[in-house]
Amino acid sequence: MKRLYVLFLMITSVSISQNIKKDSGKYRVLIVITSDKNNVDFMNQIELLKNKSTEFEERKLKILQALPNFFKSDSDESWNPSPDLYQKFNKEKAAFKVVLIGLDGGIKQSQTTVLSAEKLCAIIDGMPMRQRELKN
């Protein structure tokens, strides 16, 4: 049973990385990372991002939440087991962190403080690919 669980975790970790790479060019990704889902900054960040789906949709933004051994996307109801996102984007083991990944797959913003929805949209709107989207 333990081997099956480890295999499941490995497959899930690989699929997360592949999905981010696969979505590169289609979506921007905001990863909200915390070591504890009761972290005040984490809860504030998630609250600030609620009810902004229209604004985020037009900016092609997906939101992922990452804990040390779990993750979930903005469309998931429950947490999925995987340490991949947390380990890859939080090597310094910050208690709270947000990471914005652009359409090209590069990190566009990384900070350990809460990011307002307005600042997030301004960062995205200032990106060259977003500027081209707005022109078209």
N, C-alpha and C. Protein backbone atom coordinates (compact mmCIF):
# COMPACT_ATOMS: atom_id res chain seq x y z
N MET A 1 0.82 -1.19 0.00
CA MET A 1 0.00 0.00 0.00
C MET A 1 0.87 1.26 0.00
N LYS A 2 1.95 1.23 0.79
CA LYS A 2 2.84 2.37 0.86
C LYS A 2 3.50 2.63 -0.50
N ARG A 3 3.88 1.57 -1.20
CA ARG A 3 4.49 1.72 -2.53
C ARG A 3 3.51 2.34 -3.52
N LEU A 4 2.26 1.95 -3.42
CA LEU A 4 1.23 2.51 -4.30
C LEU A 4 1.07 4.00 -4.06
N TYR A 5 1.08 4.42 -2.80
CA TYR A 5 0.95 5.84 -2.45
C TYR A 5 2.15 6.63 -2.98
N VAL A 6 3.37 6.09 -2.81
CA VAL A 6 4.57 6.75 -3.31
C VAL A 6 4.51 6.87 -4.82
N LEU A 7 4.08 5.83 -5.50
CA LEU A 7 3.94 5.86 -6.95
C LEU A 7 2.93 6.93 -7.36
N PHE A 8 1.81 7.01 -6.65
CA PHE A 8 0.79 8.02 -6.93
C PHE A 8 1.36 9.43 -6.77
N LEU A 9 2.14 9.65 -5.71
CA LEU A 9 2.75 10.96 -5.48
C LEU A 9 3.72 11.32 -6.60
N MET A 10 4.50 10.34 -7.05
CA MET A 10 5.46 10.60 -8.12
C MET A 10 4.75 10.95 -9.41
N ILE A 11 3.70 10.23 -9.74
CA ILE A 11 2.95 10.48 -10.97
C ILE A 11 2.28 11.85 -10.89
N THR A 12 1.71 12.18 -9.74
CA THR A 12 1.05 13.47 -9.56
C THR A 12 2.05 14.61 -9.71
N SER A 13 3.23 14.48 -9.11
CA SER A 13 4.26 15.51 -9.20
C SER A 13 4.69 15.74 -10.64
N VAL A 14 4.90 14.68 -11.37
CA VAL A 14 5.30 14.78 -12.76
C VAL A 14 4.20 15.44 -13.57
N SER A 15 2.94 15.08 -13.31
CA SER A 15 1.84 15.64 -14.09
C SER A 15 1.65 17.13 -13.83
N ILE A 16 1.92 17.61 -12.61
CA ILE A 16 1.83 19.04 -12.32
C ILE A 16 2.85 19.80 -13.14
N SER A 17 4.09 19.34 -13.13
CA SER A 17 5.15 20.00 -13.90
C SER A 17 4.83 19.99 -15.38
N GLN A 18 4.33 18.86 -15.87
CA GLN A 18 3.97 18.76 -17.27
C GLN A 18 2.81 19.70 -17.61
N ASN A 19 1.83 19.81 -16.71
CA ASN A 19 0.70 20.69 -16.97
C ASN A 19 1.13 22.15 -17.03
N ILE A 20 2.04 22.56 -16.15
CA ILE A 20 2.52 23.95 -16.20
C ILE A 20 3.26 24.18 -17.50
N LYS A 21 4.10 23.23 -17.90
CA LYS A 21 4.82 23.36 -19.17
C LYS A 21 3.84 23.34 -20.35
N LYS A 22 2.85 22.44 -20.29
CA LYS A 22 1.87 22.32 -21.37
C LYS A 22 1.04 23.60 -21.50
N ASP A 23 0.70 24.20 -20.35
CA ASP A 23 -0.10 25.42 -20.35
C ASP A 23 0.72 26.65 -20.70
N SER A 24 2.05 26.51 -20.73
CA SER A 24 2.91 27.63 -21.09
C SER A 24 2.50 28.11 -22.48
N GLY A 25 2.23 29.38 -22.59
CA GLY A 25 1.76 29.94 -23.84
C GLY A 25 0.25 30.08 -23.89
N LYS A 26 -0.45 29.32 -23.05
CA LYS A 26 -1.91 29.40 -23.00
C LYS A 26 -2.38 30.20 -21.79
N TYR A 27 -1.69 30.00 -20.66
CA TYR A 27 -2.11 30.62 -19.41
C TYR A 27 -0.93 31.18 -18.64
N ARG A 28 -1.22 32.24 -17.92
CA ARG A 28 -0.32 32.72 -16.88
C ARG A 28 -0.73 31.99 -15.61
N VAL A 29 0.20 31.76 -14.72
CA VAL A 29 -0.11 31.00 -13.50
C VAL A 29 0.38 31.79 -12.29
N LEU A 30 -0.52 31.97 -11.32
CA LEU A 30 -0.14 32.54 -10.04
C LEU A 30 -0.15 31.41 -9.03
N ILE A 31 1.01 31.16 -8.41
CA ILE A 31 1.11 30.11 -7.40
C ILE A 31 1.18 30.79 -6.04
N VAL A 32 0.22 30.47 -5.19
CA VAL A 32 0.18 30.99 -3.82
C VAL A 32 0.68 29.87 -2.92
N ILE A 33 1.82 30.10 -2.29
CA ILE A 33 2.53 29.06 -1.56
C ILE A 33 2.53 29.38 -0.06
N THR A 34 2.32 28.35 0.75
CA THR A 34 2.42 28.51 2.20
C THR A 34 2.84 27.20 2.85
N SER A 35 3.45 27.33 4.00
CA SER A 35 3.79 26.12 4.76
C SER A 35 2.64 25.69 5.65
N ASP A 36 1.64 26.58 5.82
CA ASP A 36 0.51 26.31 6.69
C ASP A 36 -0.72 27.02 6.14
N LYS A 37 -1.76 26.27 5.79
CA LYS A 37 -2.93 26.92 5.18
C LYS A 37 -3.69 27.83 6.13
N ASN A 38 -3.31 27.88 7.41
CA ASN A 38 -3.87 28.84 8.36
C ASN A 38 -3.01 30.10 8.48
N ASN A 39 -1.98 30.20 7.67
CA ASN A 39 -1.11 31.37 7.64
C ASN A 39 -1.95 32.59 7.27
N VAL A 40 -1.82 33.67 8.04
CA VAL A 40 -2.64 34.87 7.84
C VAL A 40 -2.44 35.47 6.45
N ASP A 41 -1.19 35.57 5.99
CA ASP A 41 -0.94 36.12 4.65
C ASP A 41 -1.58 35.25 3.57
N PHE A 42 -1.47 33.94 3.73
CA PHE A 42 -2.08 33.02 2.77
C PHE A 42 -3.59 33.22 2.71
N MET A 43 -4.23 33.26 3.87
CA MET A 43 -5.69 33.43 3.90
C MET A 43 -6.08 34.79 3.32
N ASN A 44 -5.32 35.84 3.62
CA ASN A 44 -5.60 37.16 3.07
C ASN A 44 -5.44 37.17 1.55
N GLN A 45 -4.38 36.50 1.07
CA GLN A 45 -4.14 36.45 -0.37
C GLN A 45 -5.28 35.76 -1.10
N ILE A 46 -5.71 34.63 -0.59
CA ILE A 46 -6.80 33.89 -1.22
C ILE A 46 -8.07 34.73 -1.21
N GLU A 47 -8.32 35.41 -0.11
CA GLU A 47 -9.51 36.27 0.00
C GLU A 47 -9.46 37.40 -1.03
N LEU A 48 -8.29 38.00 -1.21
CA LEU A 48 -8.14 39.09 -2.18
C LEU A 48 -8.37 38.63 -3.63
N LEU A 49 -8.11 37.36 -3.88
CA LEU A 49 -8.24 36.83 -5.24
C LEU A 49 -9.65 36.35 -5.57
N LYS A 50 -10.47 36.20 -4.54
CA LYS A 50 -11.85 35.74 -4.76
C LYS A 50 -12.62 36.77 -5.56
N ASN A 51 -13.58 36.30 -6.32
CA ASN A 51 -14.50 37.15 -7.08
C ASN A 51 -13.81 38.01 -8.13
N LYS A 52 -12.67 37.61 -8.58
CA LYS A 52 -11.96 38.33 -9.65
C LYS A 52 -11.87 37.47 -10.91
N SER A 53 -12.69 36.45 -11.00
CA SER A 53 -12.56 35.47 -12.08
C SER A 53 -12.68 36.11 -13.46
N THR A 54 -13.54 37.08 -13.63
CA THR A 54 -13.70 37.72 -14.94
C THR A 54 -12.41 38.44 -15.33
N GLU A 55 -11.85 39.20 -14.40
CA GLU A 55 -10.60 39.92 -14.67
C GLU A 55 -9.45 38.96 -14.95
N PHE A 56 -9.40 37.86 -14.19
CA PHE A 56 -8.33 36.89 -14.38
C PHE A 56 -8.54 36.08 -15.66
N GLU A 57 -9.77 35.79 -15.98
CA GLU A 57 -10.07 35.04 -17.19
C GLU A 57 -9.62 35.81 -18.42
N GLU A 58 -9.90 37.10 -18.47
CA GLU A 58 -9.50 37.88 -19.64
C GLU A 58 -7.99 38.06 -19.72
N ARG A 59 -7.30 37.85 -18.61
CA ARG A 59 -5.84 37.91 -18.59
C ARG A 59 -5.21 36.52 -18.67
N LYS A 60 -6.02 35.51 -18.92
CA LYS A 60 -5.55 34.13 -19.06
C LYS A 60 -4.75 33.69 -17.83
N LEU A 61 -5.31 33.92 -16.65
CA LEU A 61 -4.62 33.61 -15.41
C LEU A 61 -5.27 32.44 -14.68
N LYS A 62 -4.45 31.47 -14.33
CA LYS A 62 -4.88 30.36 -13.47
C LYS A 62 -4.20 30.54 -12.12
N ILE A 63 -4.92 30.16 -11.06
CA ILE A 63 -4.36 30.28 -9.72
C ILE A 63 -4.19 28.89 -9.11
N LEU A 64 -3.01 28.64 -8.58
CA LEU A 64 -2.72 27.39 -7.89
C LEU A 64 -2.33 27.72 -6.45
N GLN A 65 -2.75 26.87 -5.54
CA GLN A 65 -2.35 26.99 -4.14
C GLN A 65 -1.44 25.80 -3.83
N ALA A 66 -0.35 26.07 -3.11
CA ALA A 66 0.61 24.99 -2.83
C ALA A 66 0.98 24.96 -1.35
N LEU A 67 0.87 23.78 -0.79
CA LEU A 67 1.33 23.47 0.57
C LEU A 67 2.52 22.53 0.43
N PRO A 68 3.24 22.23 1.51
CA PRO A 68 4.41 21.35 1.39
C PRO A 68 4.13 20.01 0.70
N ASN A 69 2.96 19.42 0.90
CA ASN A 69 2.68 18.11 0.30
C ASN A 69 1.38 18.07 -0.50
N PHE A 70 0.77 19.22 -0.75
CA PHE A 70 -0.51 19.26 -1.45
C PHE A 70 -0.59 20.49 -2.33
N PHE A 71 -1.50 20.45 -3.31
CA PHE A 71 -1.79 21.61 -4.14
C PHE A 71 -3.24 21.54 -4.57
N LYS A 72 -3.76 22.67 -5.02
CA LYS A 72 -5.06 22.68 -5.67
C LYS A 72 -5.13 23.88 -6.60
N SER A 73 -5.92 23.73 -7.64
CA SER A 73 -6.11 24.83 -8.58
C SER A 73 -7.37 25.58 -8.19
N ASP A 74 -7.59 26.71 -8.85
CA ASP A 74 -8.77 27.50 -8.53
C ASP A 74 -10.07 26.77 -8.86
N SER A 75 -9.99 25.74 -9.67
CA SER A 75 -11.20 24.98 -10.03
C SER A 75 -11.39 23.72 -9.18
N ASP A 76 -10.40 23.38 -8.34
CA ASP A 76 -10.49 22.18 -7.50
C ASP A 76 -11.21 22.47 -6.20
N GLU A 77 -11.99 21.51 -5.76
CA GLU A 77 -12.67 21.62 -4.46
C GLU A 77 -11.78 21.10 -3.33
N SER A 78 -10.98 20.10 -3.64
CA SER A 78 -10.16 19.48 -2.59
C SER A 78 -8.68 19.53 -2.97
N TRP A 79 -7.85 19.28 -1.98
CA TRP A 79 -6.40 19.28 -2.15
C TRP A 79 -5.93 17.98 -2.77
N ASN A 80 -4.94 18.06 -3.65
CA ASN A 80 -4.34 16.89 -4.29
C ASN A 80 -2.94 16.68 -3.72
N PRO A 81 -2.56 15.43 -3.47
CA PRO A 81 -1.23 15.20 -2.91
C PRO A 81 -0.13 15.44 -3.93
N SER A 82 0.85 16.27 -3.55
CA SER A 82 2.05 16.48 -4.35
C SER A 82 2.92 17.56 -3.71
N PRO A 83 4.19 17.28 -3.50
CA PRO A 83 5.10 18.29 -2.97
C PRO A 83 5.79 19.11 -4.06
N ASP A 84 5.51 18.83 -5.32
CA ASP A 84 6.26 19.38 -6.45
C ASP A 84 6.26 20.90 -6.51
N LEU A 85 5.09 21.52 -6.51
CA LEU A 85 5.02 22.98 -6.64
C LEU A 85 5.73 23.67 -5.49
N TYR A 86 5.46 23.22 -4.29
CA TYR A 86 6.06 23.82 -3.10
C TYR A 86 7.58 23.74 -3.17
N GLN A 87 8.10 22.58 -3.50
CA GLN A 87 9.55 22.39 -3.54
C GLN A 87 10.20 23.17 -4.66
N LYS A 88 9.56 23.21 -5.82
CA LYS A 88 10.16 23.87 -6.98
C LYS A 88 10.19 25.38 -6.84
N PHE A 89 9.12 25.96 -6.30
CA PHE A 89 9.00 27.42 -6.26
C PHE A 89 9.22 28.04 -4.88
N ASN A 90 9.56 27.23 -3.88
CA ASN A 90 9.80 27.75 -2.54
C ASN A 90 11.03 27.09 -1.94
N LYS A 91 12.13 27.17 -2.66
CA LYS A 91 13.37 26.52 -2.21
C LYS A 91 13.87 27.10 -0.89
N GLU A 92 13.58 28.38 -0.64
CA GLU A 92 14.03 28.99 0.60
C GLU A 92 13.08 28.72 1.77
N LYS A 93 12.01 27.97 1.51
CA LYS A 93 11.05 27.55 2.55
C LYS A 93 10.39 28.74 3.27
N ALA A 94 10.00 29.75 2.51
CA ALA A 94 9.30 30.90 3.07
C ALA A 94 7.94 30.44 3.60
N ALA A 95 7.48 31.07 4.67
CA ALA A 95 6.18 30.72 5.25
C ALA A 95 5.05 31.09 4.31
N PHE A 96 5.27 32.11 3.46
CA PHE A 96 4.27 32.55 2.47
C PHE A 96 5.00 33.13 1.28
N LYS A 97 4.47 32.84 0.09
CA LYS A 97 5.10 33.35 -1.12
C LYS A 97 4.10 33.31 -2.27
N VAL A 98 4.18 34.29 -3.17
CA VAL A 98 3.41 34.23 -4.41
C VAL A 98 4.40 34.31 -5.57
N VAL A 99 4.11 33.52 -6.60
CA VAL A 99 4.96 33.48 -7.78
C VAL A 99 4.06 33.59 -9.01
N LEU A 100 4.36 34.56 -9.87
CA LEU A 100 3.61 34.74 -11.12
C LEU A 100 4.47 34.23 -12.27
N ILE A 101 3.91 33.31 -13.04
CA ILE A 101 4.59 32.74 -14.20
C ILE A 101 3.88 33.24 -15.45
N GLY A 102 4.66 33.77 -16.38
CA GLY A 102 4.11 34.34 -17.60
C GLY A 102 3.79 33.29 -18.66
N LEU A 103 3.25 33.76 -19.76
CA LEU A 103 2.91 32.88 -20.87
C LEU A 103 4.13 32.16 -21.43
N ASP A 104 5.29 32.79 -21.29
CA ASP A 104 6.53 32.18 -21.80
C ASP A 104 7.12 31.17 -20.83
N GLY A 105 6.48 30.98 -19.66
CA GLY A 105 6.96 30.03 -18.67
C GLY A 105 7.98 30.60 -17.70
N GLY A 106 8.32 31.87 -17.87
CA GLY A 106 9.28 32.52 -16.98
C GLY A 106 8.62 33.13 -15.76
N ILE A 107 9.39 33.24 -14.68
CA ILE A 107 8.88 33.87 -13.45
C ILE A 107 8.89 35.38 -13.66
N LYS A 108 7.71 35.99 -13.52
CA LYS A 108 7.55 37.42 -13.73
C LYS A 108 7.52 38.22 -12.44
N GLN A 109 7.07 37.59 -11.37
CA GLN A 109 7.00 38.24 -10.06
C GLN A 109 7.12 37.16 -9.00
N SER A 110 7.86 37.45 -7.96
CA SER A 110 7.99 36.54 -6.84
C SER A 110 8.16 37.39 -5.60
N GLN A 111 7.29 37.19 -4.61
CA GLN A 111 7.38 37.99 -3.40
C GLN A 111 6.82 37.23 -2.22
N THR A 112 7.23 37.65 -1.03
CA THR A 112 6.80 37.00 0.21
C THR A 112 5.80 37.87 0.97
N THR A 113 5.17 38.80 0.26
CA THR A 113 4.11 39.63 0.83
C THR A 113 2.86 39.46 -0.01
N VAL A 114 1.72 39.81 0.55
CA VAL A 114 0.44 39.68 -0.15
C VAL A 114 0.46 40.58 -1.38
N LEU A 115 -0.05 40.05 -2.49
CA LEU A 115 -0.12 40.76 -3.76
C LEU A 115 -1.57 41.14 -4.03
N SER A 116 -1.85 42.43 -4.14
CA SER A 116 -3.23 42.85 -4.38
C SER A 116 -3.65 42.46 -5.80
N ALA A 117 -4.94 42.27 -5.98
CA ALA A 117 -5.47 41.92 -7.30
C ALA A 117 -5.18 43.05 -8.30
N GLU A 118 -5.23 44.28 -7.84
CA GLU A 118 -4.97 45.43 -8.71
C GLU A 118 -3.51 45.43 -9.18
N LYS A 119 -2.57 45.19 -8.25
CA LYS A 119 -1.16 45.15 -8.63
C LYS A 119 -0.89 43.96 -9.55
N LEU A 120 -1.51 42.83 -9.26
CA LEU A 120 -1.36 41.64 -10.11
C LEU A 120 -1.81 41.94 -11.53
N CYS A 121 -2.99 42.55 -11.67
CA CYS A 121 -3.50 42.90 -12.99
C CYS A 121 -2.60 43.92 -13.68
N ALA A 122 -2.07 44.89 -12.92
CA ALA A 122 -1.17 45.89 -13.49
C ALA A 122 0.12 45.24 -13.99
N ILE A 123 0.66 44.29 -13.23
CA ILE A 123 1.87 43.57 -13.66
C ILE A 123 1.60 42.84 -14.97
N ILE A 124 0.49 42.12 -15.01
CA ILE A 124 0.13 41.37 -16.22
C ILE A 124 -0.10 42.32 -17.39
N ASP A 125 -0.83 43.39 -17.15
CA ASP A 125 -1.15 44.34 -18.22
C ASP A 125 0.10 45.02 -18.78
N GLY A 126 1.17 45.07 -17.99
CA GLY A 126 2.42 45.66 -18.45
C GLY A 126 3.30 44.71 -19.24
N MET A 127 2.93 43.44 -19.30
CA MET A 127 3.75 42.45 -20.01
C MET A 127 3.59 42.62 -21.52
N PRO A 128 4.67 42.43 -22.27
CA PRO A 128 4.61 42.60 -23.73
C PRO A 128 3.54 41.73 -24.41
N MET A 129 3.42 40.48 -23.99
CA MET A 129 2.41 39.61 -24.61
C MET A 129 1.00 40.11 -24.32
N ARG A 130 0.77 40.63 -23.12
CA ARG A 130 -0.54 41.18 -22.77
C ARG A 130 -0.80 42.44 -23.60
N GLN A 131 0.22 43.25 -23.81
CA GLN A 131 0.05 44.44 -24.62
C GLN A 131 -0.37 44.07 -26.05
N ARG A 132 0.21 42.99 -26.59
CA ARG A 132 -0.19 42.52 -27.92
C ARG A 132 -1.63 42.01 -27.90
N GLU A 133 -2.01 41.30 -26.81
CA GLU A 133 -3.39 40.82 -26.69
C GLU A 133 -4.37 41.99 -26.71
N LEU A 134 -4.02 43.06 -26.01
CA LEU A 134 -4.92 44.22 -25.94
C LEU A 134 -5.03 44.93 -27.29
N LYS A 135 -3.93 44.95 -28.06
CA LYS A 135 -3.97 45.56 -29.39
C LYS A 135 -4.86 44.78 -30.33
N ASN A 136 -4.83 43.45 -30.21
CA ASN A 136 -5.64 42.61 -31.09
C ASN A 136 -7.05 42.60 -30.57
